[in-house]
Amino acid sequence: MKLHLDRFGNQNAFTGYGEGYVLINQQRFERSLIVLPDRIIADWAPRRVEELTAADRALLADLPADILLLGTGRRLCFPPAPLLQALTARGIGLEVMDSHAAARTYNILLAEGRRVAAALLL
């Protein structure tokens, strides 16, 4: 699916997605990644929620965001409680959804000027 880019300036926005990939500013990514308006953490190791480590939880909790969208692949899969606890302790809200829904929601929140991050498991 192609997403239409509004005026995001120099910020990272999802411009499309399909089976096993996403496009950010027309660049294709086929591995799990973390997207922030000003940077991309590519080749993020976990591919499934069950693979999230303590180091991954710490990385996500340290992101400069008010809300984290966790895209769990093709299907919704809730993460273990320690992730929610780590984010809550930092004042970061967590929304869990499939990865394509997370890409669409990220663009909406970005357009609203929200401090958003998306962690997508691909």
N, C-alpha and C. Protein backbone atom coordinates (compact mmCIF):
# COMPACT_ATOMS: atom_id res chain seq x y z
N MET A 1 0.84 -1.17 0.00
CA MET A 1 0.00 0.00 0.00
C MET A 1 0.88 1.23 0.00
N LYS A 2 0.48 2.22 -0.75
CA LYS A 2 1.20 3.49 -0.78
C LYS A 2 0.50 4.47 0.14
N LEU A 3 1.27 5.15 0.95
CA LEU A 3 0.73 6.20 1.81
C LEU A 3 1.09 7.53 1.20
N HIS A 4 0.16 8.46 1.23
CA HIS A 4 0.42 9.77 0.65
C HIS A 4 1.09 10.66 1.67
N LEU A 5 2.19 11.24 1.24
CA LEU A 5 2.97 12.11 2.11
C LEU A 5 2.34 13.49 2.16
N ASP A 6 2.11 13.97 3.34
CA ASP A 6 1.68 15.34 3.52
C ASP A 6 2.94 16.16 3.70
N ARG A 7 2.89 17.25 4.35
CA ARG A 7 4.06 18.09 4.54
C ARG A 7 4.76 17.73 5.84
N PHE A 8 5.70 16.80 5.76
CA PHE A 8 6.44 16.38 6.94
C PHE A 8 7.82 17.02 6.99
N GLY A 9 8.16 17.82 6.00
CA GLY A 9 9.47 18.46 5.99
C GLY A 9 10.58 17.44 5.93
N ASN A 10 11.58 17.59 6.77
CA ASN A 10 12.71 16.68 6.81
C ASN A 10 12.50 15.52 7.77
N GLN A 11 11.30 15.33 8.24
CA GLN A 11 11.03 14.28 9.21
C GLN A 11 10.80 12.94 8.51
N ASN A 12 11.08 11.86 9.22
CA ASN A 12 10.84 10.53 8.69
C ASN A 12 9.36 10.21 8.73
N ALA A 13 8.84 9.80 7.59
CA ALA A 13 7.44 9.40 7.50
C ALA A 13 7.33 8.15 6.64
N PHE A 14 6.35 7.34 6.94
CA PHE A 14 6.11 6.13 6.15
C PHE A 14 5.45 6.52 4.84
N THR A 15 6.00 6.03 3.75
CA THR A 15 5.46 6.34 2.42
C THR A 15 4.87 5.12 1.74
N GLY A 16 4.95 3.97 2.38
CA GLY A 16 4.34 2.77 1.83
C GLY A 16 4.70 1.56 2.66
N TYR A 17 4.03 0.45 2.39
CA TYR A 17 4.35 -0.80 3.05
C TYR A 17 3.74 -1.94 2.26
N GLY A 18 4.22 -3.12 2.54
CA GLY A 18 3.71 -4.33 1.91
C GLY A 18 4.14 -5.52 2.74
N GLU A 19 3.98 -6.71 2.20
CA GLU A 19 4.33 -7.92 2.92
C GLU A 19 5.84 -7.96 3.22
N GLY A 20 6.20 -7.80 4.50
CA GLY A 20 7.58 -7.92 4.92
C GLY A 20 8.45 -6.69 4.73
N TYR A 21 7.85 -5.54 4.44
CA TYR A 21 8.66 -4.33 4.28
C TYR A 21 7.85 -3.08 4.58
N VAL A 22 8.57 -1.99 4.82
CA VAL A 22 7.97 -0.65 4.90
C VAL A 22 8.87 0.28 4.11
N LEU A 23 8.29 1.38 3.65
CA LEU A 23 9.04 2.44 3.00
C LEU A 23 8.99 3.67 3.91
N ILE A 24 10.16 4.25 4.14
CA ILE A 24 10.24 5.49 4.89
C ILE A 24 10.94 6.49 3.99
N ASN A 25 10.25 7.57 3.68
CA ASN A 25 10.77 8.56 2.74
C ASN A 25 11.27 7.87 1.47
N GLN A 26 10.50 6.91 1.00
CA GLN A 26 10.75 6.13 -0.22
C GLN A 26 11.90 5.13 -0.10
N GLN A 27 12.51 4.98 1.08
CA GLN A 27 13.58 4.01 1.27
C GLN A 27 12.98 2.74 1.87
N ARG A 28 13.33 1.60 1.27
CA ARG A 28 12.76 0.31 1.68
C ARG A 28 13.54 -0.30 2.85
N PHE A 29 12.80 -0.81 3.84
CA PHE A 29 13.35 -1.52 4.99
C PHE A 29 12.65 -2.86 5.11
N GLU A 30 13.43 -3.93 5.26
CA GLU A 30 12.86 -5.28 5.33
C GLU A 30 13.19 -5.97 6.65
N ARG A 31 13.80 -5.25 7.56
CA ARG A 31 14.13 -5.79 8.88
C ARG A 31 13.51 -4.89 9.94
N SER A 32 13.33 -5.44 11.13
CA SER A 32 12.76 -4.67 12.23
C SER A 32 13.54 -3.37 12.41
N LEU A 33 12.83 -2.32 12.80
CA LEU A 33 13.46 -1.02 12.95
C LEU A 33 12.67 -0.15 13.91
N ILE A 34 13.31 0.93 14.33
CA ILE A 34 12.68 1.93 15.18
C ILE A 34 12.75 3.25 14.42
N VAL A 35 11.61 3.93 14.34
CA VAL A 35 11.51 5.16 13.56
C VAL A 35 11.12 6.31 14.48
N LEU A 36 11.91 7.36 14.40
CA LEU A 36 11.62 8.61 15.09
C LEU A 36 11.58 9.70 14.02
N PRO A 37 10.99 10.84 14.31
CA PRO A 37 10.92 11.89 13.30
C PRO A 37 12.28 12.29 12.74
N ASP A 38 13.34 12.21 13.57
CA ASP A 38 14.65 12.69 13.13
C ASP A 38 15.71 11.62 12.93
N ARG A 39 15.37 10.35 13.18
CA ARG A 39 16.34 9.29 12.95
C ARG A 39 15.66 7.94 12.83
N ILE A 40 16.42 7.00 12.27
CA ILE A 40 15.95 5.63 12.11
C ILE A 40 17.01 4.71 12.71
N ILE A 41 16.57 3.80 13.53
CA ILE A 41 17.45 2.76 14.06
C ILE A 41 17.13 1.51 13.24
N ALA A 42 17.95 1.25 12.23
CA ALA A 42 17.70 0.16 11.30
C ALA A 42 18.28 -1.15 11.83
N ASP A 43 17.80 -2.24 11.27
CA ASP A 43 18.29 -3.58 11.61
C ASP A 43 18.21 -3.86 13.11
N TRP A 44 17.10 -3.45 13.72
CA TRP A 44 16.84 -3.75 15.12
C TRP A 44 16.68 -5.27 15.23
N ALA A 45 17.30 -5.88 16.19
CA ALA A 45 17.43 -7.34 16.24
C ALA A 45 16.12 -8.13 16.37
N PRO A 46 15.19 -7.76 17.27
CA PRO A 46 14.04 -8.66 17.46
C PRO A 46 13.13 -8.70 16.22
N ARG A 47 12.61 -9.90 15.96
CA ARG A 47 11.67 -10.08 14.84
C ARG A 47 10.29 -10.47 15.35
N ARG A 48 10.23 -10.87 16.64
CA ARG A 48 8.96 -11.24 17.27
C ARG A 48 8.94 -10.66 18.68
N VAL A 49 7.75 -10.46 19.21
CA VAL A 49 7.60 -9.90 20.56
C VAL A 49 8.35 -10.74 21.58
N GLU A 50 8.34 -12.04 21.41
CA GLU A 50 9.00 -12.93 22.37
C GLU A 50 10.51 -12.73 22.39
N GLU A 51 11.07 -12.10 21.39
CA GLU A 51 12.51 -11.88 21.32
C GLU A 51 12.97 -10.57 21.96
N LEU A 52 12.04 -9.76 22.48
CA LEU A 52 12.42 -8.51 23.12
C LEU A 52 13.20 -8.80 24.39
N THR A 53 14.38 -8.22 24.49
CA THR A 53 15.27 -8.43 25.64
C THR A 53 15.19 -7.25 26.60
N ALA A 54 15.86 -7.39 27.71
CA ALA A 54 15.96 -6.27 28.67
C ALA A 54 16.64 -5.08 28.01
N ALA A 55 17.64 -5.33 27.17
CA ALA A 55 18.31 -4.23 26.47
C ALA A 55 17.35 -3.54 25.50
N ASP A 56 16.48 -4.30 24.84
CA ASP A 56 15.48 -3.70 23.95
C ASP A 56 14.51 -2.84 24.75
N ARG A 57 14.07 -3.34 25.89
CA ARG A 57 13.16 -2.56 26.74
C ARG A 57 13.81 -1.26 27.17
N ALA A 58 15.08 -1.31 27.54
CA ALA A 58 15.80 -0.10 27.95
C ALA A 58 15.93 0.87 26.79
N LEU A 59 16.25 0.36 25.60
CA LEU A 59 16.36 1.21 24.41
C LEU A 59 15.03 1.92 24.13
N LEU A 60 13.93 1.19 24.17
CA LEU A 60 12.62 1.78 23.90
C LEU A 60 12.23 2.80 24.97
N ALA A 61 12.55 2.51 26.21
CA ALA A 61 12.21 3.43 27.31
C ALA A 61 13.04 4.71 27.25
N ASP A 62 14.19 4.68 26.59
CA ASP A 62 15.04 5.87 26.49
C ASP A 62 14.75 6.72 25.25
N LEU A 63 13.79 6.32 24.43
CA LEU A 63 13.48 7.10 23.23
C LEU A 63 12.86 8.44 23.61
N PRO A 64 13.17 9.51 22.88
CA PRO A 64 12.59 10.82 23.17
C PRO A 64 11.18 10.93 22.57
N ALA A 65 10.25 10.23 23.19
CA ALA A 65 8.88 10.19 22.66
C ALA A 65 7.88 10.22 23.81
N ASP A 66 6.69 10.71 23.51
CA ASP A 66 5.59 10.67 24.47
C ASP A 66 4.75 9.42 24.25
N ILE A 67 4.80 8.90 23.03
CA ILE A 67 4.04 7.70 22.71
C ILE A 67 4.87 6.80 21.81
N LEU A 68 4.85 5.51 22.13
CA LEU A 68 5.54 4.50 21.34
C LEU A 68 4.50 3.60 20.71
N LEU A 69 4.58 3.46 19.40
CA LEU A 69 3.74 2.53 18.68
C LEU A 69 4.56 1.27 18.44
N LEU A 70 4.10 0.15 18.98
CA LEU A 70 4.79 -1.11 18.78
C LEU A 70 4.03 -1.91 17.74
N GLY A 71 4.64 -2.05 16.57
CA GLY A 71 4.06 -2.85 15.49
C GLY A 71 4.57 -4.27 15.61
N THR A 72 3.67 -5.20 15.82
CA THR A 72 4.07 -6.58 16.15
C THR A 72 4.01 -7.53 14.95
N GLY A 73 4.23 -7.00 13.76
CA GLY A 73 4.21 -7.85 12.58
C GLY A 73 2.83 -7.92 11.96
N ARG A 74 2.51 -9.06 11.39
CA ARG A 74 1.23 -9.23 10.69
C ARG A 74 0.05 -9.29 11.64
N ARG A 75 0.31 -9.75 12.87
CA ARG A 75 -0.77 -9.92 13.84
C ARG A 75 -0.46 -9.17 15.13
N LEU A 76 -1.50 -8.75 15.79
CA LEU A 76 -1.38 -8.10 17.09
C LEU A 76 -0.91 -9.13 18.12
N CYS A 77 0.11 -8.78 18.86
CA CYS A 77 0.66 -9.67 19.89
C CYS A 77 1.17 -8.78 21.02
N PHE A 78 0.58 -8.89 22.17
CA PHE A 78 0.96 -8.01 23.27
C PHE A 78 2.31 -8.39 23.87
N PRO A 79 3.12 -7.39 24.19
CA PRO A 79 4.44 -7.64 24.76
C PRO A 79 4.34 -8.02 26.24
N PRO A 80 5.41 -8.56 26.79
CA PRO A 80 5.42 -8.88 28.22
C PRO A 80 5.28 -7.61 29.07
N ALA A 81 4.76 -7.79 30.26
CA ALA A 81 4.51 -6.67 31.18
C ALA A 81 5.74 -5.80 31.46
N PRO A 82 6.95 -6.35 31.54
CA PRO A 82 8.10 -5.48 31.84
C PRO A 82 8.30 -4.33 30.85
N LEU A 83 7.90 -4.52 29.59
CA LEU A 83 8.03 -3.41 28.63
C LEU A 83 7.09 -2.29 29.02
N LEU A 84 5.84 -2.61 29.30
CA LEU A 84 4.89 -1.58 29.70
C LEU A 84 5.35 -0.89 30.98
N GLN A 85 5.88 -1.64 31.91
CA GLN A 85 6.37 -1.06 33.16
C GLN A 85 7.52 -0.10 32.92
N ALA A 86 8.45 -0.48 32.04
CA ALA A 86 9.60 0.39 31.74
C ALA A 86 9.15 1.68 31.08
N LEU A 87 8.19 1.59 30.17
CA LEU A 87 7.70 2.79 29.48
C LEU A 87 6.89 3.68 30.42
N THR A 88 6.05 3.06 31.22
CA THR A 88 5.23 3.82 32.17
C THR A 88 6.11 4.59 33.15
N ALA A 89 7.19 3.96 33.59
CA ALA A 89 8.11 4.63 34.52
C ALA A 89 8.73 5.88 33.91
N ARG A 90 8.84 5.91 32.58
CA ARG A 90 9.41 7.06 31.86
C ARG A 90 8.35 8.02 31.33
N GLY A 91 7.08 7.72 31.59
CA GLY A 91 6.00 8.59 31.12
C GLY A 91 5.71 8.44 29.63
N ILE A 92 6.04 7.30 29.04
CA ILE A 92 5.80 7.04 27.62
C ILE A 92 4.59 6.13 27.49
N GLY A 93 3.61 6.56 26.69
CA GLY A 93 2.45 5.73 26.42
C GLY A 93 2.78 4.67 25.39
N LEU A 94 2.15 3.52 25.48
CA LEU A 94 2.38 2.41 24.55
C LEU A 94 1.09 2.03 23.86
N GLU A 95 1.15 1.95 22.54
CA GLU A 95 0.03 1.43 21.74
C GLU A 95 0.57 0.25 20.95
N VAL A 96 -0.08 -0.88 21.04
CA VAL A 96 0.34 -2.09 20.36
C VAL A 96 -0.65 -2.38 19.24
N MET A 97 -0.11 -2.66 18.04
CA MET A 97 -0.96 -2.95 16.88
C MET A 97 -0.13 -3.69 15.85
N ASP A 98 -0.76 -4.13 14.77
CA ASP A 98 0.04 -4.76 13.72
C ASP A 98 0.93 -3.68 13.09
N SER A 99 1.98 -4.10 12.41
CA SER A 99 2.99 -3.15 11.92
C SER A 99 2.45 -2.17 10.90
N HIS A 100 1.54 -2.59 10.03
CA HIS A 100 1.00 -1.66 9.03
C HIS A 100 0.12 -0.60 9.70
N ALA A 101 -0.67 -1.00 10.68
CA ALA A 101 -1.47 -0.02 11.42
C ALA A 101 -0.56 0.95 12.17
N ALA A 102 0.55 0.46 12.69
CA ALA A 102 1.49 1.33 13.40
C ALA A 102 2.08 2.37 12.45
N ALA A 103 2.38 1.97 11.21
CA ALA A 103 2.93 2.91 10.22
C ALA A 103 1.90 4.01 9.92
N ARG A 104 0.65 3.64 9.73
CA ARG A 104 -0.38 4.64 9.44
C ARG A 104 -0.59 5.58 10.62
N THR A 105 -0.65 5.00 11.83
CA THR A 105 -0.87 5.80 13.03
C THR A 105 0.30 6.74 13.29
N TYR A 106 1.51 6.27 13.06
CA TYR A 106 2.70 7.10 13.22
C TYR A 106 2.57 8.36 12.36
N ASN A 107 2.20 8.20 11.10
CA ASN A 107 2.07 9.36 10.20
C ASN A 107 1.03 10.35 10.71
N ILE A 108 -0.06 9.85 11.22
CA ILE A 108 -1.11 10.73 11.75
C ILE A 108 -0.59 11.52 12.94
N LEU A 109 0.05 10.83 13.87
CA LEU A 109 0.58 11.51 15.06
C LEU A 109 1.71 12.47 14.71
N LEU A 110 2.54 12.10 13.74
CA LEU A 110 3.61 12.98 13.27
C LEU A 110 3.01 14.26 12.69
N ALA A 111 1.97 14.12 11.89
CA ALA A 111 1.32 15.29 11.28
C ALA A 111 0.70 16.20 12.33
N GLU A 112 0.31 15.63 13.46
CA GLU A 112 -0.26 16.42 14.56
C GLU A 112 0.82 17.09 15.40
N GLY A 113 2.09 16.81 15.08
CA GLY A 113 3.19 17.40 15.85
C GLY A 113 3.49 16.69 17.14
N ARG A 114 3.02 15.46 17.29
CA ARG A 114 3.26 14.69 18.51
C ARG A 114 4.66 14.12 18.54
N ARG A 115 5.19 13.90 19.74
CA ARG A 115 6.51 13.25 19.91
C ARG A 115 6.26 11.74 19.88
N VAL A 116 6.40 11.16 18.69
CA VAL A 116 6.04 9.76 18.47
C VAL A 116 7.25 8.96 18.01
N ALA A 117 7.24 7.69 18.34
CA ALA A 117 8.22 6.73 17.85
C ALA A 117 7.47 5.47 17.47
N ALA A 118 7.98 4.77 16.46
CA ALA A 118 7.40 3.50 16.05
C ALA A 118 8.49 2.44 16.06
N ALA A 119 8.24 1.36 16.76
CA ALA A 119 9.13 0.21 16.78
C ALA A 119 8.39 -0.91 16.04
N LEU A 120 8.90 -1.26 14.87
CA LEU A 120 8.21 -2.23 14.03
C LEU A 120 8.98 -3.54 13.97
N LEU A 121 8.29 -4.62 14.26
CA LEU A 121 8.87 -5.95 14.12
C LEU A 121 8.48 -6.48 12.75
N LEU A 122 9.46 -6.70 11.91
CA LEU A 122 9.21 -7.15 10.53
C LEU A 122 9.79 -8.53 10.31
